[in-house]
Structures are given as structure tokens and as C-alpha cells.
Amino acid sequence: MSTLPEENNWEAGIYLIEEIDLVRGGIEGISNRQARELANRTLWLKNSQRGFHSDLTLVTATKTLIYAEIINKLILVNGSATIQLTLPSIDVSLTGIKACIQNNSLFNVTVSGTLRFDVVNKSNIYLAAGETIELVWIGDKWLVREYMGNLKDVGSTFFDYKQRQNTLVCNGAAINRADYPRLWEFAQTLGSSLITDADWNGIPGNKGFFSSGNGSSTFRLPDLRSMFIRGLDLGAGIDIGRMTELPGGFEPDEFKLHNHVSGSPLQNPGDPRQSDHYTKRLSTDLTGPNEYSYINRRTDDAGGLETRPKNIGLLPLIKV
């Protein structure tokens, strides 16, 4: 007795044995066709749950995929320019897409219909180098089931020892919208924290914002170099010196209001040689014959170029 051979393949449908079909055994026999197709589907589902497939579709240029290139395939995108990958609407599918892109280019996954990601319906989604997504067709739309990369974190800033993959240094540079469409999409959601390039460059304290660049093809990163990060006051009444109470708003350095008592007693308060000095009688502190007048003296300059706490310098990065 032998067993049916199984292929790691998602069958498009299960054959219906007709009344006129003749009973026939063997691997290609009509009597074994349904069992073979169901066995193939079972093996495919098993391998899908284990996280691997038996075949892949390589994409090196803009392409619209067909059913056979998606079913039971890992889609590998490899190229040095922006690639658009279009997925069709199909009956059922589970597929992985892995990006292998050079030069920090993105590839655009466009669907025929709707793509659901993070409770938002979209028509496309961008992936960057090294990122992966797993899509499932749920009857009327593609659903992003799992992903790895910056898809939800685009626009997040952090500090690190080196520049990571799919990040930029927040140095105020103007960059192309076409090269970083995900970050430009994020910037457009920031309201008043996205300003014109004229205001970014011309008004002191605006370099913590994004700018709309030249208004058509570029936009500008915030400049976080040498800046400490502080939570916005948001009505707490503690930090009241910020120029603009918005994410990215600048606040200059400042000493808290205070004073110092410094000086020496004047032995001869009426001496004309000391008349050009400011004198203060400590009448509230001393009384009687021991009352003195003090002369305030300016100290020599001390300190450096700024007031700062001890700190460690790291790269200010933003996920793109």
C-alpha cells in the first residue's frame, strides 16, 4: 500500500466528482483528486503557520502580480530604485513580502481594492529596506496581519550611538518628498508644527519644527542638534517661557530669578571718594551705633559659553 504524495501548494479549488466520472485509482486517478488537493492545502497551511514557504517570487522592477505569483509564495523585492508592486484582489491568500532594497529606496505596495493597516483603510503602503509584512485577503480587502519595521513608528525620534537603518539625523536638512513619502505623510499630520520654509529659516526658535520645504518636492527635518528635550507644559503652569507651546517649540536658556548679597562695609559713608558707588544701609538688619553701609562690588567674569548640566552626547534620529 502507498500514500498520496503531498505538494506544498494552495489549490485554487477542490474538484467536484461528477456523476459521469469513471472510478479510477492511482496518483492521477479521478478518485484520488479531491484527497490530493486537500492534502496539498493542508501541507501549505502547515508550512504557513511555521513561517516559511517552498517558493518565492522575485521582483526587481515595478510589477503587477498575478494569482500564481502570490499563492504559496514569499515575495522578495530587490532593487536600487523605487519599485511599485501591485497586488490583485483574489479569493484567498496568505503571503509574505520582504524588502531587499539598496540605497534607502522604498517600494510601494499598491492593492486593487483596499488595504487595512492600523485601523486605517489605505490603497497602498510603503516598505523600506529590511522590512517585512504578511498580508491576508479577508474577502473584500487585504489586511496587514504581521509586520516588522518602522511602519507604525515613522516620525518617532530617539537618541542613539549610531545611525540605524531607515533613520535620518535630525539636522535640519531639506529632503525629497519622493524619497521619504512615509515621513512626509507623517509631517502633514502635525498641524501647526509644520511651517513654511521661510518661517523655519527666518524666525529664531523655529528650527524644532518640520518645514514644507520648497512647497512642491522637498520638506525639511527638524534640527535637534545640541538640544535637550523637555515635556510640553500643557497647562501645568511650570514651564512658562516656551516661545511656542507646540511639539518642536523652542525655549531659550534662562536663570531662575534670584539675587545675591555681596559687598563690604564702608568705614566712611560720607567720603566723596566713594560717592560713585551704590550704598545700601542694612537698616532692617542692624540698628544703633553698629549700623553699617555696604558697598556692592562687581566680581570678575567666570564660567563658559552656556549654562548646562552634565550630559552625554548622542545622535538625534528620526524613523523614516
C-alpha atoms as a PDB file:
ATOM      1  CA  MET A   1       0.000   0.000   0.000  1.00  0.00           C
ATOM      2  CA  SER A   2       1.284   3.505  -0.846  1.00  0.00           C
ATOM      3  CA  THR A   3       0.286   7.028   0.214  1.00  0.00           C
ATOM      4  CA  LEU A   4      -0.622  10.087  -1.805  1.00  0.00           C
ATOM      5  CA  PRO A   5       2.291  12.434  -2.476  1.00  0.00           C
ATOM      6  CA  GLU A   6       1.740  15.912  -0.988  1.00  0.00           C
ATOM      7  CA  GLU A   7       2.774  19.187  -2.594  1.00  0.00           C
ATOM      8  CA  ASN A   8       3.203  22.438  -0.700  1.00  0.00           C
ATOM      9  CA  ASN A   9       0.591  24.189  -2.803  1.00  0.00           C
ATOM     10  CA  TRP A  10      -2.635  26.104  -2.174  1.00  0.00           C
ATOM     11  CA  GLU A  11      -5.153  24.620  -4.604  1.00  0.00           C
ATOM     12  CA  ALA A  12      -7.482  27.186  -6.164  1.00  0.00           C
ATOM     13  CA  GLY A  13     -10.449  24.851  -5.680  1.00  0.00           C
ATOM     14  CA  ILE A  14     -11.440  21.296  -4.771  1.00  0.00           C
ATOM     15  CA  TYR A  15     -12.611  19.187  -7.659  1.00  0.00           C
ATOM     16  CA  LEU A  16     -16.253  18.072  -7.658  1.00  0.00           C
ATOM     17  CA  ILE A  17     -16.590  14.465  -8.788  1.00  0.00           C
ATOM     18  CA  GLU A  18     -19.242  14.318 -11.458  1.00  0.00           C
ATOM     19  CA  GLU A  19     -21.734  11.517 -11.836  1.00  0.00           C
ATOM     20  CA  ILE A  20     -20.267  10.714 -15.238  1.00  0.00           C
ATOM     21  CA  ASP A  21     -16.678  10.400 -13.912  1.00  0.00           C
ATOM     22  CA  LEU A  22     -15.339   6.883 -14.053  1.00  0.00           C
ATOM     23  CA  VAL A  23     -13.839   5.463 -10.875  1.00  0.00           C
ATOM     24  CA  ARG A  24     -10.107   5.406 -11.315  1.00  0.00           C
ATOM     25  CA  GLY A  25      -7.298   4.991  -8.797  1.00  0.00           C
ATOM     26  CA  GLY A  26      -3.637   5.937  -8.937  1.00  0.00           C
ATOM     27  CA  ILE A  27      -1.879   9.277  -8.402  1.00  0.00           C
ATOM     28  CA  GLU A  28      -3.680  10.916 -11.312  1.00  0.00           C
ATOM     29  CA  GLY A  29      -6.877   8.940 -10.838  1.00  0.00           C
ATOM     30  CA  ILE A  30     -10.088  10.927 -10.522  1.00  0.00           C
ATOM     31  CA  SER A  31     -10.996   9.107  -7.328  1.00  0.00           C
ATOM     32  CA  ASN A  32      -7.883  10.468  -5.585  1.00  0.00           C
ATOM     33  CA  ARG A  33      -8.053  14.012  -6.959  1.00  0.00           C
ATOM     34  CA  GLN A  34     -10.051  15.558  -4.096  1.00  0.00           C
ATOM     35  CA  ALA A  35      -7.892  13.895  -1.448  1.00  0.00           C
ATOM     36  CA  ARG A  36      -4.712  15.060  -3.213  1.00  0.00           C
ATOM     37  CA  GLU A  37      -5.923  18.659  -3.464  1.00  0.00           C
ATOM     38  CA  LEU A  38      -6.990  18.736   0.176  1.00  0.00           C
ATOM     39  CA  ALA A  39      -3.657  17.204   1.236  1.00  0.00           C
ATOM     40  CA  ASN A  40      -1.811  19.912  -0.715  1.00  0.00           C
ATOM     41  CA  ARG A  41      -3.803  22.645   1.022  1.00  0.00           C
ATOM     42  CA  THR A  42      -3.148  21.065   4.430  1.00  0.00           C
ATOM     43  CA  LEU A  43       0.608  20.987   3.849  1.00  0.00           C
ATOM     44  CA  TRP A  44       0.551  24.583   2.622  1.00  0.00           C
ATOM     45  CA  LEU A  45      -1.333  25.776   5.724  1.00  0.00           C
ATOM     46  CA  LYS A  46       1.017  23.835   7.977  1.00  0.00           C
ATOM     47  CA  ASN A  47       4.071  25.444   6.392  1.00  0.00           C
ATOM     48  CA  SER A  48       2.448  28.868   6.517  1.00  0.00           C
ATOM     49  CA  GLN A  49       1.890  28.549  10.259  1.00  0.00           C
ATOM     50  CA  ARG A  50       5.518  27.506  10.684  1.00  0.00           C
ATOM     51  CA  GLY A  51       6.564  30.679   8.892  1.00  0.00           C
ATOM     52  CA  PHE A  52       8.067  29.504   5.628  1.00  0.00           C
ATOM     53  CA  HIS A  53       7.068  28.740   2.067  1.00  0.00           C
ATOM     54  CA  SER A  54       8.560  26.469  -0.560  1.00  0.00           C
ATOM     55  CA  ASP A  55       8.930  29.081  -3.287  1.00  0.00           C
ATOM     56  CA  LEU A  56       9.364  32.788  -3.820  1.00  0.00           C
ATOM     57  CA  THR A  57       8.568  35.423  -6.387  1.00  0.00           C
ATOM     58  CA  LEU A  58      11.471  37.762  -7.118  1.00  0.00           C
ATOM     59  CA  VAL A  59      10.559  41.327  -8.072  1.00  0.00           C
ATOM     60  CA  THR A  60      13.262  43.620  -9.422  1.00  0.00           C
ATOM     61  CA  ALA A  61      11.131  46.267 -11.146  1.00  0.00           C
ATOM     62  CA  THR A  62       7.645  47.737 -10.986  1.00  0.00           C
ATOM     63  CA  LYS A  63       5.196  44.884 -11.489  1.00  0.00           C
ATOM     64  CA  THR A  64       1.572  43.773 -11.131  1.00  0.00           C
ATOM     65  CA  LEU A  65       1.487  40.302  -9.633  1.00  0.00           C
ATOM     66  CA  ILE A  66      -0.942  37.605 -10.721  1.00  0.00           C
ATOM     67  CA  TYR A  67      -2.582  34.886  -8.675  1.00  0.00           C
ATOM     68  CA  ALA A  68       0.088  32.258  -9.362  1.00  0.00           C
ATOM     69  CA  GLU A  69       2.859  34.618  -8.229  1.00  0.00           C
ATOM     70  CA  ILE A  70       1.215  35.209  -4.853  1.00  0.00           C
ATOM     71  CA  ILE A  71      -0.249  31.910  -3.715  1.00  0.00           C
ATOM     72  CA  ASN A  72       2.223  29.984  -1.567  1.00  0.00           C
ATOM     73  CA  LYS A  73       4.978  32.478  -2.336  1.00  0.00           C
ATOM     74  CA  LEU A  74       7.348  34.655  -0.386  1.00  0.00           C
ATOM     75  CA  ILE A  75       7.681  37.840  -2.420  1.00  0.00           C
ATOM     76  CA  LEU A  76      11.237  39.188  -2.410  1.00  0.00           C
ATOM     77  CA  VAL A  77      11.743  42.730  -3.681  1.00  0.00           C
ATOM     78  CA  ASN A  78      15.302  43.583  -4.683  1.00  0.00           C
ATOM     79  CA  GLY A  79      16.318  46.767  -6.467  1.00  0.00           C
ATOM     80  CA  SER A  80      18.112  50.082  -6.278  1.00  0.00           C
ATOM     81  CA  ALA A  81      15.220  52.325  -7.316  1.00  0.00           C
ATOM     82  CA  THR A  82      11.683  52.895  -6.090  1.00  0.00           C
ATOM     83  CA  ILE A  83       9.531  49.911  -7.097  1.00  0.00           C
ATOM     84  CA  GLN A  84       5.748  49.740  -7.232  1.00  0.00           C
ATOM     85  CA  LEU A  85       4.253  46.333  -6.538  1.00  0.00           C
ATOM     86  CA  THR A  86       0.530  45.869  -7.274  1.00  0.00           C
ATOM     87  CA  LEU A  87      -1.442  43.036  -5.686  1.00  0.00           C
ATOM     88  CA  PRO A  88      -4.691  41.797  -7.241  1.00  0.00           C
ATOM     89  CA  SER A  89      -7.952  41.047  -5.469  1.00  0.00           C
ATOM     90  CA  ILE A  90      -8.131  37.277  -5.053  1.00  0.00           C
ATOM     91  CA  ASP A  91     -10.318  34.678  -3.370  1.00  0.00           C
ATOM     92  CA  VAL A  92      -7.953  33.739  -0.560  1.00  0.00           C
ATOM     93  CA  SER A  93      -4.294  34.285   0.112  1.00  0.00           C
ATOM     94  CA  LEU A  94      -1.658  34.463   2.753  1.00  0.00           C
ATOM     95  CA  THR A  95       1.647  35.879   1.578  1.00  0.00           C
ATOM     96  CA  GLY A  96       4.813  37.403   2.956  1.00  0.00           C
ATOM     97  CA  ILE A  97       6.584  40.358   1.391  1.00  0.00           C
ATOM     98  CA  LYS A  98      10.207  41.044   2.213  1.00  0.00           C
ATOM     99  CA  ALA A  99      12.032  44.134   1.060  1.00  0.00           C
ATOM    100  CA  CYS A 100      15.642  43.959  -0.011  1.00  0.00           C
ATOM    101  CA  ILE A 101      16.222  47.484  -1.282  1.00  0.00           C
ATOM    102  CA  GLN A 102      19.508  49.296  -1.805  1.00  0.00           C
ATOM    103  CA  ASN A 103      20.315  52.977  -1.294  1.00  0.00           C
ATOM    104  CA  ASN A 104      17.493  53.531   1.228  1.00  0.00           C
ATOM    105  CA  SER A 105      14.871  53.438  -1.529  1.00  0.00           C
ATOM    106  CA  LEU A 106      11.313  52.401  -0.758  1.00  0.00           C
ATOM    107  CA  PHE A 107       8.904  50.197  -2.585  1.00  0.00           C
ATOM    108  CA  ASN A 108       5.225  50.921  -2.834  1.00  0.00           C
ATOM    109  CA  VAL A 109       2.752  48.075  -2.343  1.00  0.00           C
ATOM    110  CA  THR A 110      -0.459  49.049  -4.134  1.00  0.00           C
ATOM    111  CA  VAL A 111      -3.570  46.894  -3.978  1.00  0.00           C
ATOM    112  CA  SER A 112      -6.545  46.517  -6.271  1.00  0.00           C
ATOM    113  CA  GLY A 113      -9.118  47.441  -3.663  1.00  0.00           C
ATOM    114  CA  THR A 114      -8.469  48.266  -0.005  1.00  0.00           C
ATOM    115  CA  LEU A 115      -5.549  47.624   2.320  1.00  0.00           C
ATOM    116  CA  ARG A 116      -6.272  47.690   6.072  1.00  0.00           C
ATOM    117  CA  PHE A 117      -3.465  48.734   8.390  1.00  0.00           C
ATOM    118  CA  ASP A 118      -3.606  50.069  11.934  1.00  0.00           C
ATOM    119  CA  VAL A 119      -7.421  50.619  11.808  1.00  0.00           C
ATOM    120  CA  VAL A 120      -6.996  52.716   8.659  1.00  0.00           C
ATOM    121  CA  ASN A 121      -8.083  51.810   5.140  1.00  0.00           C
ATOM    122  CA  LYS A 122      -5.470  52.669   2.530  1.00  0.00           C
ATOM    123  CA  SER A 123      -4.812  51.940  -1.115  1.00  0.00           C
ATOM    124  CA  ASN A 124      -1.068  51.487  -0.705  1.00  0.00           C
ATOM    125  CA  ILE A 125       1.694  51.072   1.826  1.00  0.00           C
ATOM    126  CA  TYR A 126       5.419  51.797   1.613  1.00  0.00           C
ATOM    127  CA  LEU A 127       8.079  49.387   2.821  1.00  0.00           C
ATOM    128  CA  ALA A 128      11.738  50.249   3.362  1.00  0.00           C
ATOM    129  CA  ALA A 129      14.902  48.170   3.295  1.00  0.00           C
ATOM    130  CA  GLY A 130      14.796  45.125   5.563  1.00  0.00           C
ATOM    131  CA  GLU A 131      11.103  45.479   6.440  1.00  0.00           C
ATOM    132  CA  THR A 132       8.562  42.709   6.024  1.00  0.00           C
ATOM    133  CA  ILE A 133       4.795  42.411   6.080  1.00  0.00           C
ATOM    134  CA  GLU A 134       2.409  39.481   5.975  1.00  0.00           C
ATOM    135  CA  LEU A 135      -0.872  40.125   4.192  1.00  0.00           C
ATOM    136  CA  VAL A 136      -4.074  38.119   4.244  1.00  0.00           C
ATOM    137  CA  TRP A 137      -7.059  38.506   1.944  1.00  0.00           C
ATOM    138  CA  ILE A 138     -10.227  38.591   4.102  1.00  0.00           C
ATOM    139  CA  GLY A 139     -12.886  38.611   1.417  1.00  0.00           C
ATOM    140  CA  ASP A 140     -13.025  42.281   0.479  1.00  0.00           C
ATOM    141  CA  LYS A 141      -9.637  43.729   1.445  1.00  0.00           C
ATOM    142  CA  TRP A 142      -6.013  42.993   2.156  1.00  0.00           C
ATOM    143  CA  LEU A 143      -5.189  43.007   5.882  1.00  0.00           C
ATOM    144  CA  VAL A 144      -1.696  43.561   7.297  1.00  0.00           C
ATOM    145  CA  ARG A 145      -1.556  40.691   9.762  1.00  0.00           C
ATOM    146  CA  GLU A 146       2.043  40.999  10.908  1.00  0.00           C
ATOM    147  CA  TYR A 147       4.910  43.340  10.122  1.00  0.00           C
ATOM    148  CA  MET A 148       8.470  44.131  11.080  1.00  0.00           C
ATOM    149  CA  GLY A 149       9.963  47.587  10.720  1.00  0.00           C
ATOM    150  CA  ASN A 150       9.011  51.244  11.137  1.00  0.00           C
ATOM    151  CA  LEU A 151       5.503  51.062   9.678  1.00  0.00           C
ATOM    152  CA  LYS A 152       3.796  52.363  12.829  1.00  0.00           C
ATOM    153  CA  ASP A 153       6.737  54.349  14.191  1.00  0.00           C
ATOM    154  CA  VAL A 154       7.562  56.670  11.296  1.00  0.00           C
ATOM    155  CA  GLY A 155       8.275  60.141  12.715  1.00  0.00           C
ATOM    156  CA  SER A 156       9.378  58.875  16.140  1.00  0.00           C
ATOM    157  CA  THR A 157      12.565  60.491  17.404  1.00  0.00           C
ATOM    158  CA  PHE A 158      15.184  58.939  19.651  1.00  0.00           C
ATOM    159  CA  PHE A 159      18.861  59.255  20.538  1.00  0.00           C
ATOM    160  CA  ASP A 160      21.463  56.594  19.790  1.00  0.00           C
ATOM    161  CA  TYR A 161      25.177  55.918  19.394  1.00  0.00           C
ATOM    162  CA  LYS A 162      24.929  55.345  15.638  1.00  0.00           C
ATOM    163  CA  GLN A 163      22.510  55.908  12.795  1.00  0.00           C
ATOM    164  CA  ARG A 164      20.180  52.937  12.397  1.00  0.00           C
ATOM    165  CA  GLN A 165      18.639  51.511   9.253  1.00  0.00           C
ATOM    166  CA  ASN A 166      15.683  53.560   7.994  1.00  0.00           C
ATOM    167  CA  THR A 167      16.514  56.603  10.109  1.00  0.00           C
ATOM    168  CA  LEU A 168      17.790  60.111   9.428  1.00  0.00           C
ATOM    169  CA  VAL A 169      19.750  62.505  11.637  1.00  0.00           C
ATOM    170  CA  CYS A 170      17.574  65.453  12.718  1.00  0.00           C
ATOM    171  CA  ASN A 171      19.936  68.112  11.410  1.00  0.00           C
ATOM    172  CA  GLY A 172      17.508  70.457   9.659  1.00  0.00           C
ATOM    173  CA  ALA A 173      18.279  69.114   6.185  1.00  0.00           C
ATOM    174  CA  ALA A 174      15.870  69.549   3.269  1.00  0.00           C
ATOM    175  CA  ILE A 175      14.995  66.144   1.774  1.00  0.00           C
ATOM    176  CA  ASN A 176      12.938  64.937  -1.174  1.00  0.00           C
ATOM    177  CA  ARG A 177       9.313  64.019  -0.550  1.00  0.00           C
ATOM    178  CA  ALA A 178       9.544  61.266  -3.167  1.00  0.00           C
ATOM    179  CA  ASP A 179      12.459  59.632  -1.334  1.00  0.00           C
ATOM    180  CA  TYR A 180      10.739  59.680   2.078  1.00  0.00           C
ATOM    181  CA  PRO A 181       6.977  59.554   1.388  1.00  0.00           C
ATOM    182  CA  ARG A 182       6.155  57.949   4.741  1.00  0.00           C
ATOM    183  CA  LEU A 183       7.865  60.719   6.718  1.00  0.00           C
ATOM    184  CA  TRP A 184       6.282  63.403   4.530  1.00  0.00           C
ATOM    185  CA  GLU A 185       2.868  61.797   5.131  1.00  0.00           C
ATOM    186  CA  PHE A 186       3.581  61.953   8.870  1.00  0.00           C
ATOM    187  CA  ALA A 187       4.727  65.595   8.699  1.00  0.00           C
ATOM    188  CA  GLN A 188       1.455  66.591   7.050  1.00  0.00           C
ATOM    189  CA  THR A 189      -0.457  65.382  10.138  1.00  0.00           C
ATOM    190  CA  LEU A 190       1.380  67.772  12.507  1.00  0.00           C
ATOM    191  CA  GLY A 191      -0.790  70.856  12.043  1.00  0.00           C
ATOM    192  CA  SER A 192       0.995  73.971  13.279  1.00  0.00           C
ATOM    193  CA  SER A 193       4.227  72.031  13.855  1.00  0.00           C
ATOM    194  CA  LEU A 194       4.650  72.016  10.055  1.00  0.00           C
ATOM    195  CA  ILE A 195       5.592  75.526   8.943  1.00  0.00           C
ATOM    196  CA  THR A 196       6.820  77.232   5.781  1.00  0.00           C
ATOM    197  CA  ASP A 197      10.492  77.161   4.969  1.00  0.00           C
ATOM    198  CA  ALA A 198      10.585  80.960   5.146  1.00  0.00           C
ATOM    199  CA  ASP A 199       9.374  80.872   8.762  1.00  0.00           C
ATOM    200  CA  TRP A 200      11.707  77.960   9.573  1.00  0.00           C
ATOM    201  CA  ASN A 201      14.742  79.890   8.376  1.00  0.00           C
ATOM    202  CA  GLY A 202      13.647  83.439   9.168  1.00  0.00           C
ATOM    203  CA  ILE A 203      12.151  83.292  12.656  1.00  0.00           C
ATOM    204  CA  PRO A 204      14.501  82.420  15.553  1.00  0.00           C
ATOM    205  CA  GLY A 205      13.329  79.438  17.559  1.00  0.00           C
ATOM    206  CA  ASN A 206      11.506  77.658  14.705  1.00  0.00           C
ATOM    207  CA  LYS A 207      14.117  75.057  13.855  1.00  0.00           C
ATOM    208  CA  GLY A 208      12.468  72.421  16.038  1.00  0.00           C
ATOM    209  CA  PHE A 209       9.578  72.190  13.568  1.00  0.00           C
ATOM    210  CA  PHE A 210       9.227  70.456  10.214  1.00  0.00           C
ATOM    211  CA  SER A 211       9.015  72.756   7.224  1.00  0.00           C
ATOM    212  CA  SER A 212       7.217  72.291   3.918  1.00  0.00           C
ATOM    213  CA  GLY A 213      10.487  72.861   2.074  1.00  0.00           C
ATOM    214  CA  ASN A 214      10.164  74.359  -1.384  1.00  0.00           C
ATOM    215  CA  GLY A 215       6.420  73.727  -1.308  1.00  0.00           C
ATOM    216  CA  SER A 216       6.415  71.049  -4.004  1.00  0.00           C
ATOM    217  CA  SER A 217       9.196  68.456  -3.975  1.00  0.00           C
ATOM    218  CA  THR A 218      11.053  68.822  -0.661  1.00  0.00           C
ATOM    219  CA  PHE A 219      10.428  69.194   3.063  1.00  0.00           C
ATOM    220  CA  ARG A 220      12.743  69.949   5.957  1.00  0.00           C
ATOM    221  CA  LEU A 221      13.643  67.924   9.028  1.00  0.00           C
ATOM    222  CA  PRO A 222      13.639  69.486  12.492  1.00  0.00           C
ATOM    223  CA  ASP A 223      17.089  70.426  13.797  1.00  0.00           C
ATOM    224  CA  LEU A 224      17.604  68.763  17.189  1.00  0.00           C
ATOM    225  CA  ARG A 225      21.369  69.130  17.329  1.00  0.00           C
ATOM    226  CA  SER A 226      22.662  70.272  20.750  1.00  0.00           C
ATOM    227  CA  MET A 227      19.092  70.453  22.124  1.00  0.00           C
ATOM    228  CA  PHE A 228      17.727  68.980  25.350  1.00  0.00           C
ATOM    229  CA  ILE A 229      14.212  67.537  25.137  1.00  0.00           C
ATOM    230  CA  ARG A 230      11.563  68.622  27.671  1.00  0.00           C
ATOM    231  CA  GLY A 231       7.912  67.715  28.013  1.00  0.00           C
ATOM    232  CA  LEU A 232       5.481  70.462  26.994  1.00  0.00           C
ATOM    233  CA  ASP A 233       3.817  72.272  29.898  1.00  0.00           C
ATOM    234  CA  LEU A 234       0.268  71.602  28.647  1.00  0.00           C
ATOM    235  CA  GLY A 235      -1.295  73.784  31.325  1.00  0.00           C
ATOM    236  CA  ALA A 236       0.779  72.601  34.282  1.00  0.00           C
ATOM    237  CA  GLY A 237       1.968  76.155  34.939  1.00  0.00           C
ATOM    238  CA  ILE A 238       5.602  75.156  35.482  1.00  0.00           C
ATOM    239  CA  ASP A 239       7.270  75.902  32.163  1.00  0.00           C
ATOM    240  CA  ILE A 240       6.017  79.308  31.067  1.00  0.00           C
ATOM    241  CA  GLY A 241       8.908  80.514  28.931  1.00  0.00           C
ATOM    242  CA  ARG A 242       8.457  78.480  25.739  1.00  0.00           C
ATOM    243  CA  MET A 243       8.188  80.587  22.602  1.00  0.00           C
ATOM    244  CA  THR A 244       5.518  78.310  21.091  1.00  0.00           C
ATOM    245  CA  GLU A 245       3.592  75.729  23.105  1.00  0.00           C
ATOM    246  CA  LEU A 246       3.686  73.174  20.286  1.00  0.00           C
ATOM    247  CA  PRO A 247       5.700  69.995  19.654  1.00  0.00           C
ATOM    248  CA  GLY A 248       9.004  71.334  18.360  1.00  0.00           C
ATOM    249  CA  GLY A 249       8.591  74.707  20.086  1.00  0.00           C
ATOM    250  CA  PHE A 250      11.834  76.342  21.241  1.00  0.00           C
ATOM    251  CA  GLU A 251      12.690  77.690  24.680  1.00  0.00           C
ATOM    252  CA  PRO A 252      15.870  79.738  25.278  1.00  0.00           C
ATOM    253  CA  ASP A 253      18.173  79.184  28.231  1.00  0.00           C
ATOM    254  CA  GLU A 254      17.500  81.136  31.403  1.00  0.00           C
ATOM    255  CA  PHE A 255      18.432  81.540  35.070  1.00  0.00           C
ATOM    256  CA  LYS A 256      15.639  81.441  37.613  1.00  0.00           C
ATOM    257  CA  LEU A 257      15.045  84.879  39.184  1.00  0.00           C
ATOM    258  CA  HIS A 258      17.321  85.334  42.203  1.00  0.00           C
ATOM    259  CA  ASN A 259      19.691  87.799  43.875  1.00  0.00           C
ATOM    260  CA  HIS A 260      22.972  87.833  45.787  1.00  0.00           C
ATOM    261  CA  VAL A 261      24.140  89.974  48.719  1.00  0.00           C
ATOM    262  CA  SER A 262      27.782  90.763  48.254  1.00  0.00           C
ATOM    263  CA  GLY A 263      29.870  93.690  49.490  1.00  0.00           C
ATOM    264  CA  SER A 264      31.953  95.189  52.290  1.00  0.00           C
ATOM    265  CA  PRO A 265      31.167  97.819  54.971  1.00  0.00           C
ATOM    266  CA  LEU A 266      32.003 101.446  54.271  1.00  0.00           C
ATOM    267  CA  GLN A 267      34.011 102.839  57.112  1.00  0.00           C
ATOM    268  CA  ASN A 268      33.342 106.428  55.976  1.00  0.00           C
ATOM    269  CA  PRO A 269      29.929 106.516  54.232  1.00  0.00           C
ATOM    270  CA  GLY A 270      30.283 110.236  53.581  1.00  0.00           C
ATOM    271  CA  ASP A 271      33.680 110.007  51.898  1.00  0.00           C
ATOM    272  CA  PRO A 272      33.283 111.714  48.475  1.00  0.00           C
ATOM    273  CA  ARG A 273      35.762 109.278  47.002  1.00  0.00           C
ATOM    274  CA  GLN A 274      33.079 106.607  47.395  1.00  0.00           C
ATOM    275  CA  SER A 275      30.135 108.667  46.200  1.00  0.00           C
ATOM    276  CA  ASP A 276      30.054 106.969  42.791  1.00  0.00           C
ATOM    277  CA  HIS A 277      29.275 103.619  44.408  1.00  0.00           C
ATOM    278  CA  TYR A 278      25.814 102.361  45.225  1.00  0.00           C
ATOM    279  CA  THR A 279      25.372 102.115  49.012  1.00  0.00           C
ATOM    280  CA  LYS A 280      22.726 100.294  50.934  1.00  0.00           C
ATOM    281  CA  ARG A 281      22.001 100.747  54.588  1.00  0.00           C
ATOM    282  CA  LEU A 282      21.000  97.500  56.227  1.00  0.00           C
ATOM    283  CA  SER A 283      18.513  99.312  58.457  1.00  0.00           C
ATOM    284  CA  THR A 284      16.256  96.274  58.561  1.00  0.00           C
ATOM    285  CA  ASP A 285      19.044  94.070  59.830  1.00  0.00           C
ATOM    286  CA  LEU A 286      21.141  96.309  62.065  1.00  0.00           C
ATOM    287  CA  THR A 287      20.252  99.170  64.351  1.00  0.00           C
ATOM    288  CA  GLY A 288      22.019 101.579  66.612  1.00  0.00           C
ATOM    289  CA  PRO A 289      25.661 102.501  66.582  1.00  0.00           C
ATOM    290  CA  ASN A 290      26.676  99.272  64.782  1.00  0.00           C
ATOM    291  CA  GLU A 291      24.684 100.188  61.681  1.00  0.00           C
ATOM    292  CA  TYR A 292      26.807  99.953  58.553  1.00  0.00           C
ATOM    293  CA  SER A 293      26.546 100.939  54.937  1.00  0.00           C
ATOM    294  CA  TYR A 294      27.713  98.336  52.391  1.00  0.00           C
ATOM    295  CA  ILE A 295      29.277  98.911  49.005  1.00  0.00           C
ATOM    296  CA  ASN A 296      28.393  96.366  46.250  1.00  0.00           C
ATOM    297  CA  ARG A 297      31.293  95.193  44.158  1.00  0.00           C
ATOM    298  CA  ARG A 298      31.189  93.532  40.711  1.00  0.00           C
ATOM    299  CA  THR A 299      33.014  90.213  40.569  1.00  0.00           C
ATOM    300  CA  ASP A 300      35.284  89.100  37.788  1.00  0.00           C
ATOM    301  CA  ASP A 301      33.689  87.111  34.931  1.00  0.00           C
ATOM    302  CA  ALA A 302      33.572  83.354  35.441  1.00  0.00           C
ATOM    303  CA  GLY A 303      32.119  80.390  33.511  1.00  0.00           C
ATOM    304  CA  GLY A 304      31.887  79.294  29.885  1.00  0.00           C
ATOM    305  CA  LEU A 305      29.677  79.912  26.862  1.00  0.00           C
ATOM    306  CA  GLU A 306      26.453  78.365  28.224  1.00  0.00           C
ATOM    307  CA  THR A 307      24.726  77.053  31.324  1.00  0.00           C
ATOM    308  CA  ARG A 308      24.296  73.274  31.167  1.00  0.00           C
ATOM    309  CA  PRO A 309      24.082  70.144  33.320  1.00  0.00           C
ATOM    310  CA  LYS A 310      26.385  67.158  32.901  1.00  0.00           C
ATOM    311  CA  ASN A 311      25.339  65.266  29.780  1.00  0.00           C
ATOM    312  CA  ILE A 312      26.192  62.613  27.213  1.00  0.00           C
ATOM    313  CA  GLY A 313      26.043  63.444  23.527  1.00  0.00           C
ATOM    314  CA  LEU A 314      24.174  61.054  21.176  1.00  0.00           C
ATOM    315  CA  LEU A 315      22.809  61.268  17.644  1.00  0.00           C
ATOM    316  CA  PRO A 316      19.266  62.724  17.358  1.00  0.00           C
ATOM    317  CA  LEU A 317      17.482  60.320  14.974  1.00  0.00           C
ATOM    318  CA  ILE A 318      14.045  60.087  13.388  1.00  0.00           C
ATOM    319  CA  LYS A 319      12.457  56.952  11.931  1.00  0.00           C
ATOM    320  CA  VAL A 320      11.547  57.217   8.249  1.00  0.00           C
END
